[in-house]
């Protein structure tokens, strides 16, 4: 159900976009990748229209949001377990399987894709503390698996730390609004919301997502601008949030920028390739994905 005054044709723009993706799929340069991408897009579109045409007409549609809130809480609980011993336990379990012979790194096919890649020095120092035989086998594991084993970034029930950060940014504001809500038990609701906000922001920080940090600053600034307080106070709070957030970001990731901000450089490479593709194939591109 669309808000009053919104033209109905707006609801069909996502479907038109998917149709455009299907046309692009007909001239793709990588059929397997494009097929997986189109299936993912179609699943997202199905979820969108399910919410628009089904949940939007239900009297108890808010129950779906409570389900999302519960999912967020479970993710945050799992992330906290990872922070306080879970990641180390997982790493130790993998090492124990290697030492017992249950896991043979030489049989993992993904190792063939690691040509030219090296283990980061900070991880190599930790591997060097293992018994020589075990360390040699750990070095035979796929590089990405080794990095994940020794990473301190949290991911909860998600596959990747940035995905956890995305879930927190998407669902935490909604969850706080639901918990606070209107009705009885205002003090317990406020205490629960405060705890949920604290844990959510802590897990966002522990996820190590740089984009997540910056988006959180923008969201916080926007929230300050909508507070029912004098305009000068709103601008002051929003400005202070931006300055403090960016200063904290600079301090937290100083080492990352000293190393050359490799992921930022890679993103510029992606954007450059996308621009070149858009110039060569301006209408349909070279296929989804």
C-alpha atoms as a PDB file:
ATOM      1  CA  UNK A   1       0.000   0.000   0.000  1.00  0.00           C
ATOM      2  CA  UNK A   2       1.484   3.278  -1.138  1.00  0.00           C
ATOM      3  CA  UNK A   3       1.286   6.442   0.960  1.00  0.00           C
ATOM      4  CA  UNK A   4      -1.444   8.896   0.002  1.00  0.00           C
ATOM      5  CA  UNK A   5      -0.491  11.104  -2.932  1.00  0.00           C
ATOM      6  CA  UNK A   6       2.172   8.768  -4.341  1.00  0.00           C
ATOM      7  CA  UNK A   7       1.436   7.769  -7.982  1.00  0.00           C
ATOM      8  CA  UNK A   8       0.762   4.054  -8.405  1.00  0.00           C
ATOM      9  CA  UNK A   9       3.226   3.765 -11.271  1.00  0.00           C
ATOM     10  CA  UNK A  10       6.041   4.274  -8.765  1.00  0.00           C
ATOM     11  CA  UNK A  11       5.312   0.783  -7.441  1.00  0.00           C
ATOM     12  CA  UNK A  12       6.171  -0.743 -10.810  1.00  0.00           C
ATOM     13  CA  UNK A  13       9.534   0.940 -11.271  1.00  0.00           C
ATOM     14  CA  UNK A  14      11.429  -1.956  -9.582  1.00  0.00           C
ATOM     15  CA  UNK A  15       9.728  -4.429 -11.943  1.00  0.00           C
ATOM     16  CA  UNK A  16      10.736  -2.306 -14.934  1.00  0.00           C
ATOM     17  CA  UNK A  17      14.292  -2.224 -13.604  1.00  0.00           C
ATOM     18  CA  UNK A  18      14.311  -6.048 -13.334  1.00  0.00           C
ATOM     19  CA  UNK A  19      13.059  -6.253 -16.916  1.00  0.00           C
ATOM     20  CA  UNK A  20      15.994  -4.086 -17.971  1.00  0.00           C
ATOM     21  CA  UNK A  21      18.331  -6.456 -16.150  1.00  0.00           C
ATOM     22  CA  UNK A  22      16.798  -9.398 -18.023  1.00  0.00           C
ATOM     23  CA  UNK A  23      17.415  -7.649 -21.342  1.00  0.00           C
ATOM     24  CA  UNK A  24      21.011  -7.063 -20.288  1.00  0.00           C
ATOM     25  CA  UNK A  25      21.257 -10.758 -19.392  1.00  0.00           C
ATOM     26  CA  UNK A  26      20.605 -11.657 -23.045  1.00  0.00           C
ATOM     27  CA  UNK A  27      23.990 -10.201 -24.041  1.00  0.00           C
ATOM     28  CA  UNK A  28      25.990 -11.057 -20.945  1.00  0.00           C
ATOM     29  CA  UNK A  29      29.677 -11.882 -21.094  1.00  0.00           C
ATOM     30  CA  UNK A  30      29.431 -14.287 -18.141  1.00  0.00           C
ATOM     31  CA  UNK A  31      26.230 -16.314 -18.148  1.00  0.00           C
ATOM     32  CA  UNK A  32      26.793 -18.126 -14.829  1.00  0.00           C
ATOM     33  CA  UNK A  33      27.496 -14.925 -12.885  1.00  0.00           C
ATOM     34  CA  UNK A  34      24.630 -13.028 -14.502  1.00  0.00           C
ATOM     35  CA  UNK A  35      22.197 -15.870 -13.863  1.00  0.00           C
ATOM     36  CA  UNK A  36      23.050 -15.910 -10.153  1.00  0.00           C
ATOM     37  CA  UNK A  37      22.750 -12.115 -10.020  1.00  0.00           C
ATOM     38  CA  UNK A  38      19.348 -12.068 -11.725  1.00  0.00           C
ATOM     39  CA  UNK A  39      18.033 -14.735  -9.343  1.00  0.00           C
ATOM     40  CA  UNK A  40      19.230 -12.623  -6.415  1.00  0.00           C
ATOM     41  CA  UNK A  41      17.596  -9.494  -7.851  1.00  0.00           C
ATOM     42  CA  UNK A  42      14.324 -11.366  -8.468  1.00  0.00           C
ATOM     43  CA  UNK A  43      14.308 -12.650  -4.873  1.00  0.00           C
ATOM     44  CA  UNK A  44      14.753  -9.114  -3.555  1.00  0.00           C
ATOM     45  CA  UNK A  45      11.947  -7.893  -5.815  1.00  0.00           C
ATOM     46  CA  UNK A  46       9.636 -10.673  -4.622  1.00  0.00           C
ATOM     47  CA  UNK A  47      10.292  -9.659  -1.012  1.00  0.00           C
ATOM     48  CA  UNK A  48       9.585  -6.014  -1.891  1.00  0.00           C
ATOM     49  CA  UNK A  49       6.219  -6.740  -3.498  1.00  0.00           C
ATOM     50  CA  UNK A  50       5.306  -9.177  -0.729  1.00  0.00           C
ATOM     51  CA  UNK A  51       5.737  -6.342   1.747  1.00  0.00           C
ATOM     52  CA  UNK A  52       3.945  -3.810  -0.468  1.00  0.00           C
ATOM     53  CA  UNK A  53       0.883  -5.838  -1.487  1.00  0.00           C
ATOM     54  CA  UNK A  54       0.529  -8.370   1.349  1.00  0.00           C
ATOM     55  CA  UNK A  55       1.998  -7.036   4.572  1.00  0.00           C
ATOM     56  CA  UNK A  56       0.836  -3.514   3.738  1.00  0.00           C
ATOM     57  CA  UNK A  57      -2.796  -4.730   3.811  1.00  0.00           C
ATOM     58  CA  UNK A  58      -2.585  -6.735   7.032  1.00  0.00           C
ATOM     59  CA  UNK A  59      -3.788  -5.306  10.304  1.00  0.00           C
ATOM     60  CA  UNK A  60      -0.993  -7.042  12.194  1.00  0.00           C
ATOM     61  CA  UNK A  61       1.727  -6.176   9.678  1.00  0.00           C
ATOM     62  CA  UNK A  62       3.830  -4.775  12.519  1.00  0.00           C
ATOM     63  CA  UNK A  63       4.413  -8.373  13.644  1.00  0.00           C
ATOM     64  CA  UNK A  64       6.742  -8.783  10.649  1.00  0.00           C
ATOM     65  CA  UNK A  65       8.835  -5.904  11.953  1.00  0.00           C
ATOM     66  CA  UNK A  66       8.933  -7.543  15.378  1.00  0.00           C
ATOM     67  CA  UNK A  67      10.243 -10.653  13.628  1.00  0.00           C
ATOM     68  CA  UNK A  68      12.993  -8.560  12.049  1.00  0.00           C
ATOM     69  CA  UNK A  69      13.776  -7.089  15.467  1.00  0.00           C
ATOM     70  CA  UNK A  70      14.083 -10.585  16.934  1.00  0.00           C
ATOM     71  CA  UNK A  71      16.382 -11.558  14.067  1.00  0.00           C
ATOM     72  CA  UNK A  72      18.556  -8.527  14.785  1.00  0.00           C
ATOM     73  CA  UNK A  73      18.755  -9.458  18.473  1.00  0.00           C
ATOM     74  CA  UNK A  74      19.824 -13.012  17.611  1.00  0.00           C
ATOM     75  CA  UNK A  75      22.497 -11.656  15.261  1.00  0.00           C
ATOM     76  CA  UNK A  76      23.794  -9.285  17.929  1.00  0.00           C
ATOM     77  CA  UNK A  77      23.841 -12.073  20.531  1.00  0.00           C
ATOM     78  CA  UNK A  78      25.873 -14.310  18.205  1.00  0.00           C
ATOM     79  CA  UNK A  79      28.226 -11.424  17.399  1.00  0.00           C
ATOM     80  CA  UNK A  80      28.822 -10.820  21.116  1.00  0.00           C
ATOM     81  CA  UNK A  81      29.633 -14.504  21.577  1.00  0.00           C
ATOM     82  CA  UNK A  82      32.175 -14.171  18.765  1.00  0.00           C
ATOM     83  CA  UNK A  83      33.691 -11.111  20.408  1.00  0.00           C
ATOM     84  CA  UNK A  84      34.134 -12.757  23.783  1.00  0.00           C
ATOM     85  CA  UNK A  85      35.806 -15.998  22.774  1.00  0.00           C
ATOM     86  CA  UNK A  86      33.793 -17.374  19.869  1.00  0.00           C
ATOM     87  CA  UNK A  87      36.216 -16.375  17.108  1.00  0.00           C
ATOM     88  CA  UNK A  88      39.179 -17.771  19.022  1.00  0.00           C
ATOM     89  CA  UNK A  89      37.328 -21.015  19.708  1.00  0.00           C
ATOM     90  CA  UNK A  90      36.475 -21.411  16.019  1.00  0.00           C
ATOM     91  CA  UNK A  91      40.123 -20.862  15.074  1.00  0.00           C
ATOM     92  CA  UNK A  92      41.307 -23.367  17.669  1.00  0.00           C
ATOM     93  CA  UNK A  93      38.789 -25.940  16.415  1.00  0.00           C
ATOM     94  CA  UNK A  94      40.147 -25.640  12.870  1.00  0.00           C
ATOM     95  CA  UNK A  95      43.719 -26.015  14.126  1.00  0.00           C
ATOM     96  CA  UNK A  96      42.726 -29.079  16.194  1.00  0.00           C
ATOM     97  CA  UNK A  97      41.156 -30.678  13.110  1.00  0.00           C
ATOM     98  CA  UNK A  98      44.369 -30.039  11.166  1.00  0.00           C
ATOM     99  CA  UNK A  99      46.513 -31.560  13.911  1.00  0.00           C
ATOM    100  CA  UNK A 100      44.247 -34.611  14.239  1.00  0.00           C
ATOM    101  CA  UNK A 101      44.268 -35.221  10.497  1.00  0.00           C
ATOM    102  CA  UNK A 102      40.522 -34.680  10.057  1.00  0.00           C
ATOM    103  CA  UNK A 103      41.248 -31.646   7.870  1.00  0.00           C
ATOM    104  CA  UNK A 104      43.920 -31.872   5.172  1.00  0.00           C
ATOM    105  CA  UNK A 105      44.654 -28.389   3.731  1.00  0.00           C
ATOM    106  CA  UNK A 106      46.307 -29.908   0.660  1.00  0.00           C
ATOM    107  CA  UNK A 107      42.951 -31.342  -0.488  1.00  0.00           C
ATOM    108  CA  UNK A 108      41.122 -27.985  -0.540  1.00  0.00           C
ATOM    109  CA  UNK A 109      40.563 -26.982  -4.205  1.00  0.00           C
ATOM    110  CA  UNK A 110      40.308 -23.254  -3.460  1.00  0.00           C
ATOM    111  CA  UNK A 111      44.062 -23.152  -2.806  1.00  0.00           C
ATOM    112  CA  UNK A 112      44.650 -23.063  -6.556  1.00  0.00           C
ATOM    113  CA  UNK A 113      43.160 -19.564  -6.701  1.00  0.00           C
ATOM    114  CA  UNK A 114      45.756 -18.139  -4.295  1.00  0.00           C
ATOM    115  CA  UNK A 115      48.584 -17.811  -6.808  1.00  0.00           C
ATOM    116  CA  UNK A 116      50.406 -14.542  -6.242  1.00  0.00           C
ATOM    117  CA  UNK A 117      48.738 -13.907  -2.864  1.00  0.00           C
ATOM    118  CA  UNK A 118      50.580 -13.856   0.450  1.00  0.00           C
ATOM    119  CA  UNK A 119      49.538 -14.094   4.069  1.00  0.00           C
ATOM    120  CA  UNK A 120      49.505 -10.636   5.736  1.00  0.00           C
ATOM    121  CA  UNK A 121      52.541 -10.071   8.030  1.00  0.00           C
ATOM    122  CA  UNK A 122      50.428  -9.556  11.154  1.00  0.00           C
ATOM    123  CA  UNK A 123      48.756 -12.945  10.631  1.00  0.00           C
ATOM    124  CA  UNK A 124      52.065 -14.622   9.770  1.00  0.00           C
ATOM    125  CA  UNK A 125      53.392 -13.592  13.195  1.00  0.00           C
ATOM    126  CA  UNK A 126      50.509 -15.416  14.888  1.00  0.00           C
ATOM    127  CA  UNK A 127      50.926 -18.513  12.741  1.00  0.00           C
ATOM    128  CA  UNK A 128      54.640 -18.592  13.617  1.00  0.00           C
ATOM    129  CA  UNK A 129      53.732 -19.181  17.285  1.00  0.00           C
ATOM    130  CA  UNK A 130      52.199 -22.577  16.394  1.00  0.00           C
ATOM    131  CA  UNK A 131      54.237 -25.809  16.320  1.00  0.00           C
ATOM    132  CA  UNK A 132      56.244 -25.912  13.064  1.00  0.00           C
ATOM    133  CA  UNK A 133      54.284 -28.802  11.568  1.00  0.00           C
ATOM    134  CA  UNK A 134      50.930 -27.226  12.347  1.00  0.00           C
ATOM    135  CA  UNK A 135      52.088 -23.811  11.095  1.00  0.00           C
ATOM    136  CA  UNK A 136      53.166 -25.321   7.787  1.00  0.00           C
ATOM    137  CA  UNK A 137      49.730 -26.916   7.307  1.00  0.00           C
ATOM    138  CA  UNK A 138      47.907 -23.701   8.247  1.00  0.00           C
ATOM    139  CA  UNK A 139      49.900 -21.883   5.553  1.00  0.00           C
ATOM    140  CA  UNK A 140      48.557 -24.445   3.049  1.00  0.00           C
ATOM    141  CA  UNK A 141      44.978 -23.305   3.705  1.00  0.00           C
ATOM    142  CA  UNK A 142      43.328 -20.898   1.221  1.00  0.00           C
ATOM    143  CA  UNK A 143      44.453 -17.333   1.952  1.00  0.00           C
ATOM    144  CA  UNK A 144      40.905 -16.063   2.457  1.00  0.00           C
ATOM    145  CA  UNK A 145      40.218 -18.799   5.015  1.00  0.00           C
ATOM    146  CA  UNK A 146      43.429 -17.946   6.878  1.00  0.00           C
ATOM    147  CA  UNK A 147      42.465 -14.267   6.947  1.00  0.00           C
ATOM    148  CA  UNK A 148      39.033 -15.115   8.298  1.00  0.00           C
ATOM    149  CA  UNK A 149      40.466 -17.454  10.915  1.00  0.00           C
ATOM    150  CA  UNK A 150      42.661 -14.724  12.345  1.00  0.00           C
ATOM    151  CA  UNK A 151      40.297 -11.807  11.802  1.00  0.00           C
ATOM    152  CA  UNK A 152      38.820 -10.030  14.817  1.00  0.00           C
ATOM    153  CA  UNK A 153      35.904  -8.626  12.816  1.00  0.00           C
ATOM    154  CA  UNK A 154      32.472  -9.900  13.839  1.00  0.00           C
ATOM    155  CA  UNK A 155      29.869 -11.194  11.394  1.00  0.00           C
ATOM    156  CA  UNK A 156      27.182 -12.808  13.598  1.00  0.00           C
ATOM    157  CA  UNK A 157      24.890 -15.068  11.569  1.00  0.00           C
ATOM    158  CA  UNK A 158      25.826 -13.189   8.399  1.00  0.00           C
ATOM    159  CA  UNK A 159      28.478 -14.349   5.958  1.00  0.00           C
ATOM    160  CA  UNK A 160      30.594 -11.206   6.055  1.00  0.00           C
ATOM    161  CA  UNK A 161      31.280  -8.404   8.583  1.00  0.00           C
ATOM    162  CA  UNK A 162      30.029  -5.716   6.206  1.00  0.00           C
ATOM    163  CA  UNK A 163      26.763  -7.655   5.881  1.00  0.00           C
ATOM    164  CA  UNK A 164      26.360  -7.574   9.674  1.00  0.00           C
ATOM    165  CA  UNK A 165      26.976  -3.815   9.622  1.00  0.00           C
ATOM    166  CA  UNK A 166      24.339  -3.432   6.907  1.00  0.00           C
ATOM    167  CA  UNK A 167      21.777  -5.401   8.926  1.00  0.00           C
ATOM    168  CA  UNK A 168      22.469  -3.271  12.003  1.00  0.00           C
ATOM    169  CA  UNK A 169      22.120  -0.003  10.071  1.00  0.00           C
ATOM    170  CA  UNK A 170      18.903  -1.202   8.421  1.00  0.00           C
ATOM    171  CA  UNK A 171      17.129  -2.753  11.407  1.00  0.00           C
ATOM    172  CA  UNK A 172      18.433  -0.995  14.508  1.00  0.00           C
ATOM    173  CA  UNK A 173      16.516   2.306  13.952  1.00  0.00           C
ATOM    174  CA  UNK A 174      13.311   0.378  13.176  1.00  0.00           C
ATOM    175  CA  UNK A 175      13.800  -1.909  16.176  1.00  0.00           C
ATOM    176  CA  UNK A 176      14.358   1.034  18.532  1.00  0.00           C
ATOM    177  CA  UNK A 177      11.195   2.723  17.258  1.00  0.00           C
ATOM    178  CA  UNK A 178       9.210  -0.473  17.839  1.00  0.00           C
ATOM    179  CA  UNK A 179      10.604  -1.078  21.312  1.00  0.00           C
ATOM    180  CA  UNK A 180      10.010   2.484  22.445  1.00  0.00           C
ATOM    181  CA  UNK A 181       6.636   2.749  20.722  1.00  0.00           C
ATOM    182  CA  UNK A 182       3.569   3.963  22.557  1.00  0.00           C
ATOM    183  CA  UNK A 183       1.797   2.252  25.414  1.00  0.00           C
ATOM    184  CA  UNK A 184       2.466   0.917  28.870  1.00  0.00           C
ATOM    185  CA  UNK A 185       5.746  -0.128  30.483  1.00  0.00           C
ATOM    186  CA  UNK A 186       7.537   2.980  29.240  1.00  0.00           C
ATOM    187  CA  UNK A 187      10.499   2.670  31.625  1.00  0.00           C
ATOM    188  CA  UNK A 188      11.234  -1.018  30.829  1.00  0.00           C
ATOM    189  CA  UNK A 189      10.874  -0.201  27.136  1.00  0.00           C
ATOM    190  CA  UNK A 190      13.349   2.656  27.457  1.00  0.00           C
ATOM    191  CA  UNK A 191      15.852   0.459  29.311  1.00  0.00           C
ATOM    192  CA  UNK A 192      15.529  -2.291  26.673  1.00  0.00           C
ATOM    193  CA  UNK A 193      15.940   0.229  23.852  1.00  0.00           C
ATOM    194  CA  UNK A 194      19.009   1.730  25.498  1.00  0.00           C
ATOM    195  CA  UNK A 195      20.595  -1.705  25.888  1.00  0.00           C
ATOM    196  CA  UNK A 196      19.737  -2.683  22.322  1.00  0.00           C
ATOM    197  CA  UNK A 197      21.221   0.566  20.988  1.00  0.00           C
ATOM    198  CA  UNK A 198      24.415   0.104  23.018  1.00  0.00           C
ATOM    199  CA  UNK A 199      24.917  -3.496  21.893  1.00  0.00           C
ATOM    200  CA  UNK A 200      24.029  -2.649  18.287  1.00  0.00           C
ATOM    201  CA  UNK A 201      26.489   0.234  18.069  1.00  0.00           C
ATOM    202  CA  UNK A 202      29.191  -1.834  19.793  1.00  0.00           C
ATOM    203  CA  UNK A 203      28.742  -4.664  17.266  1.00  0.00           C
ATOM    204  CA  UNK A 204      28.796  -2.124  14.422  1.00  0.00           C
ATOM    205  CA  UNK A 205      32.139  -0.885  15.761  1.00  0.00           C
ATOM    206  CA  UNK A 206      33.481  -4.421  16.248  1.00  0.00           C
ATOM    207  CA  UNK A 207      32.432  -5.397  12.722  1.00  0.00           C
ATOM    208  CA  UNK A 208      35.198  -3.111  11.469  1.00  0.00           C
ATOM    209  CA  UNK A 209      33.003  -1.807   8.646  1.00  0.00           C
ATOM    210  CA  UNK A 210      34.351   1.547   7.503  1.00  0.00           C
ATOM    211  CA  UNK A 211      31.370   2.314   5.282  1.00  0.00           C
ATOM    212  CA  UNK A 212      29.080   1.284   8.144  1.00  0.00           C
ATOM    213  CA  UNK A 213      30.768   3.802  10.447  1.00  0.00           C
ATOM    214  CA  UNK A 214      30.322   6.638   7.947  1.00  0.00           C
ATOM    215  CA  UNK A 215      26.687   5.756   7.241  1.00  0.00           C
ATOM    216  CA  UNK A 216      26.005   5.615  10.992  1.00  0.00           C
ATOM    217  CA  UNK A 217      27.398   9.149  11.360  1.00  0.00           C
ATOM    218  CA  UNK A 218      25.099  10.378   8.579  1.00  0.00           C
ATOM    219  CA  UNK A 219      22.066   8.662  10.153  1.00  0.00           C
ATOM    220  CA  UNK A 220      22.864  10.111  13.568  1.00  0.00           C
ATOM    221  CA  UNK A 221      23.208  13.596  12.089  1.00  0.00           C
ATOM    222  CA  UNK A 222      19.876  13.231  10.269  1.00  0.00           C
ATOM    223  CA  UNK A 223      18.213  12.095  13.510  1.00  0.00           C
ATOM    224  CA  UNK A 224      19.532  15.149  15.358  1.00  0.00           C
ATOM    225  CA  UNK A 225      18.127  17.409  12.623  1.00  0.00           C
ATOM    226  CA  UNK A 226      14.641  15.965  13.203  1.00  0.00           C
ATOM    227  CA  UNK A 227      14.617  16.474  16.976  1.00  0.00           C
ATOM    228  CA  UNK A 228      11.872  18.797  18.318  1.00  0.00           C
ATOM    229  CA  UNK A 229      14.388  21.345  19.615  1.00  0.00           C
ATOM    230  CA  UNK A 230      15.488  24.834  18.472  1.00  0.00           C
ATOM    231  CA  UNK A 231      17.171  24.953  15.064  1.00  0.00           C
ATOM    232  CA  UNK A 232      20.535  26.176  16.370  1.00  0.00           C
ATOM    233  CA  UNK A 233      20.672  23.316  18.874  1.00  0.00           C
ATOM    234  CA  UNK A 234      19.817  20.777  16.172  1.00  0.00           C
ATOM    235  CA  UNK A 235      22.553  22.095  13.895  1.00  0.00           C
ATOM    236  CA  UNK A 236      25.021  22.102  16.769  1.00  0.00           C
ATOM    237  CA  UNK A 237      24.241  18.511  17.736  1.00  0.00           C
ATOM    238  CA  UNK A 238      24.398  17.316  14.123  1.00  0.00           C
ATOM    239  CA  UNK A 239      27.689  19.142  13.546  1.00  0.00           C
ATOM    240  CA  UNK A 240      29.208  17.772  16.751  1.00  0.00           C
ATOM    241  CA  UNK A 241      28.155  14.246  15.776  1.00  0.00           C
ATOM    242  CA  UNK A 242      29.801  14.631  12.354  1.00  0.00           C
ATOM    243  CA  UNK A 243      33.035  16.086  13.740  1.00  0.00           C
ATOM    244  CA  UNK A 244      33.402  13.555  16.558  1.00  0.00           C
ATOM    245  CA  UNK A 245      32.417  10.656  14.316  1.00  0.00           C
ATOM    246  CA  UNK A 246      34.895  11.575  11.583  1.00  0.00           C
ATOM    247  CA  UNK A 247      37.643  12.216  14.144  1.00  0.00           C
ATOM    248  CA  UNK A 248      37.046   8.804  15.679  1.00  0.00           C
ATOM    249  CA  UNK A 249      37.058   7.265  12.196  1.00  0.00           C
ATOM    250  CA  UNK A 250      40.413   8.880  11.403  1.00  0.00           C
ATOM    251  CA  UNK A 251      41.970   7.640  14.653  1.00  0.00           C
ATOM    252  CA  UNK A 252      40.490   4.132  14.411  1.00  0.00           C
ATOM    253  CA  UNK A 253      41.645   3.560  10.823  1.00  0.00           C
ATOM    254  CA  UNK A 254      44.892   5.531  10.823  1.00  0.00           C
ATOM    255  CA  UNK A 255      46.896   2.343  10.187  1.00  0.00           C
ATOM    256  CA  UNK A 256      44.605   1.444   7.313  1.00  0.00           C
ATOM    257  CA  UNK A 257      45.270   4.750   5.571  1.00  0.00           C
ATOM    258  CA  UNK A 258      49.000   4.439   6.313  1.00  0.00           C
ATOM    259  CA  UNK A 259      48.979   1.153   4.390  1.00  0.00           C
ATOM    260  CA  UNK A 260      47.514   2.936   1.389  1.00  0.00           C
ATOM    261  CA  UNK A 261      43.765   2.249   1.898  1.00  0.00           C
ATOM    262  CA  UNK A 262      43.865  -0.772  -0.408  1.00  0.00           C
ATOM    263  CA  UNK A 263      40.106  -1.406  -0.441  1.00  0.00           C
ATOM    264  CA  UNK A 264      39.447   2.246  -1.360  1.00  0.00           C
ATOM    265  CA  UNK A 265      41.908   1.908  -4.246  1.00  0.00           C
ATOM    266  CA  UNK A 266      40.153  -1.273  -5.363  1.00  0.00           C
ATOM    267  CA  UNK A 267      36.793   0.511  -5.332  1.00  0.00           C
ATOM    268  CA  UNK A 268      38.163   3.248  -7.586  1.00  0.00           C
ATOM    269  CA  UNK A 269      39.221   0.448  -9.916  1.00  0.00           C
ATOM    270  CA  UNK A 270      35.675  -0.966  -9.906  1.00  0.00           C
ATOM    271  CA  UNK A 271      34.166   2.468 -10.593  1.00  0.00           C
ATOM    272  CA  UNK A 272      36.622   3.107 -13.409  1.00  0.00           C
ATOM    273  CA  UNK A 273      35.753  -0.234 -15.026  1.00  0.00           C
ATOM    274  CA  UNK A 274      32.028   0.523 -14.614  1.00  0.00           C
ATOM    275  CA  UNK A 275      32.448   3.919 -16.293  1.00  0.00           C
ATOM    276  CA  UNK A 276      34.322   2.369 -19.216  1.00  0.00           C
ATOM    277  CA  UNK A 277      31.632  -0.295 -19.604  1.00  0.00           C
ATOM    278  CA  UNK A 278      28.895   2.360 -19.526  1.00  0.00           C
ATOM    279  CA  UNK A 279      30.617   4.274 -22.314  1.00  0.00           C
ATOM    280  CA  UNK A 280      31.024   1.163 -24.478  1.00  0.00           C
ATOM    281  CA  UNK A 281      27.557  -0.309 -23.791  1.00  0.00           C
ATOM    282  CA  UNK A 282      25.434   2.634 -22.580  1.00  0.00           C
ATOM    283  CA  UNK A 283      22.033   0.940 -22.918  1.00  0.00           C
ATOM    284  CA  UNK A 284      22.328  -2.641 -21.627  1.00  0.00           C
ATOM    285  CA  UNK A 285      25.894  -2.964 -20.375  1.00  0.00           C
ATOM    286  CA  UNK A 286      27.666  -6.322 -20.412  1.00  0.00           C
ATOM    287  CA  UNK A 287      25.282  -8.295 -18.227  1.00  0.00           C
ATOM    288  CA  UNK A 288      24.157  -8.254 -14.571  1.00  0.00           C
ATOM    289  CA  UNK A 289      26.930  -8.952 -12.065  1.00  0.00           C
END
